[in-house]
Amino acid sequence: MKISPKTDVKSIKLEKRPKLNYTRKSKKDDKAKAMVDQMINEDTNEQINEQINEKRDGQIIEEKFEQCINEL
């Protein structure tokens, strides 16, 4: 039977940290987001252009109507 020399042992208590959610971004996610943004921008631009065209068409009709009335 061997007797081992007494050694000092230090203990360290580890604190528990909250678990971090790992969110991994992929290139596909970025491409998909870019495509969706582009589609939304195109739809918005189309709606704005339609509204502008409707106003312009309404002004043209009013001008022609006024010309017809003035000619009478």
Protein backbone atom coordinates (compact mmCIF):
# COMPACT_ATOMS: atom_id res chain seq x y z
CA MET A 1 0.00 0.00 0.00
CA LYS A 2 1.40 3.36 -1.09
CA ILE A 3 0.64 6.59 0.59
CA SER A 4 0.35 9.45 -1.81
CA PRO A 5 1.46 12.91 -0.77
CA LYS A 6 -1.30 15.32 0.09
CA THR A 7 -2.02 17.74 -2.75
CA ASP A 8 -4.00 20.93 -2.64
CA VAL A 9 -6.92 20.87 -5.03
CA LYS A 10 -8.67 24.05 -6.04
CA SER A 11 -12.21 23.86 -7.22
CA ILE A 12 -13.81 26.30 -9.59
CA LYS A 13 -17.54 26.74 -9.75
CA LEU A 14 -18.81 27.50 -13.25
CA GLU A 15 -21.75 29.81 -13.57
CA LYS A 16 -24.54 28.78 -15.87
CA ARG A 17 -25.13 31.22 -18.66
CA PRO A 18 -28.34 31.42 -20.62
CA LYS A 19 -28.28 29.38 -23.79
CA LEU A 20 -27.67 31.42 -26.89
CA ASN A 21 -29.75 30.71 -29.93
CA TYR A 22 -27.50 30.19 -32.89
CA THR A 23 -29.00 31.70 -35.98
CA ARG A 24 -27.10 30.82 -39.06
CA LYS A 25 -27.66 32.93 -42.12
CA SER A 26 -27.21 31.27 -45.41
CA LYS A 27 -26.70 32.75 -48.81
CA LYS A 28 -30.02 31.27 -49.88
CA ASP A 29 -31.84 33.25 -47.19
CA ASP A 30 -30.19 36.45 -48.38
CA LYS A 31 -31.07 35.71 -52.01
CA ALA A 32 -34.67 34.89 -51.11
CA LYS A 33 -35.00 38.08 -49.08
CA ALA A 34 -33.55 40.11 -51.95
CA MET A 35 -36.01 38.54 -54.39
CA VAL A 36 -38.97 39.25 -52.11
CA ASP A 37 -37.83 42.85 -51.63
CA GLN A 38 -37.47 43.26 -55.38
CA MET A 39 -40.97 41.87 -56.00
CA ILE A 40 -42.44 44.20 -53.39
CA ASN A 41 -40.65 47.18 -54.94
CA GLU A 42 -41.91 46.26 -58.41
CA ASP A 43 -45.49 45.97 -57.15
CA THR A 44 -45.22 49.30 -55.36
CA ASN A 45 -43.80 50.97 -58.47
CA GLU A 46 -46.60 49.53 -60.62
CA GLN A 47 -49.25 50.84 -58.23
CA ILE A 48 -47.67 54.29 -58.16
CA ASN A 49 -47.42 54.36 -61.96
CA GLU A 50 -51.07 53.33 -62.30
CA GLN A 51 -52.15 56.13 -59.97
CA ILE A 52 -50.06 58.67 -61.88
CA ASN A 53 -51.47 57.45 -65.21
CA GLU A 54 -55.04 57.67 -63.90
CA LYS A 55 -54.49 61.26 -62.76
CA ARG A 56 -52.84 62.16 -66.07
CA ASP A 57 -55.66 60.55 -68.07
CA GLY A 58 -58.23 62.39 -65.96
CA GLN A 59 -56.49 65.71 -66.60
CA ILE A 60 -56.35 65.04 -70.35
CA ILE A 61 -60.06 64.23 -70.42
CA GLU A 62 -60.86 67.42 -68.48
CA GLU A 63 -58.74 69.49 -70.87
CA LYS A 64 -60.47 68.00 -73.93
CA PHE A 65 -63.86 68.55 -72.31
CA GLU A 66 -63.01 72.21 -71.62
CA GLN A 67 -61.81 72.66 -75.21
CA CYS A 68 -65.08 71.25 -76.53
CA ILE A 69 -67.11 73.56 -74.29
CA ASN A 70 -65.00 76.58 -75.29
CA GLU A 71 -65.46 75.78 -79.00
CA LEU A 72 -69.24 75.88 -78.60
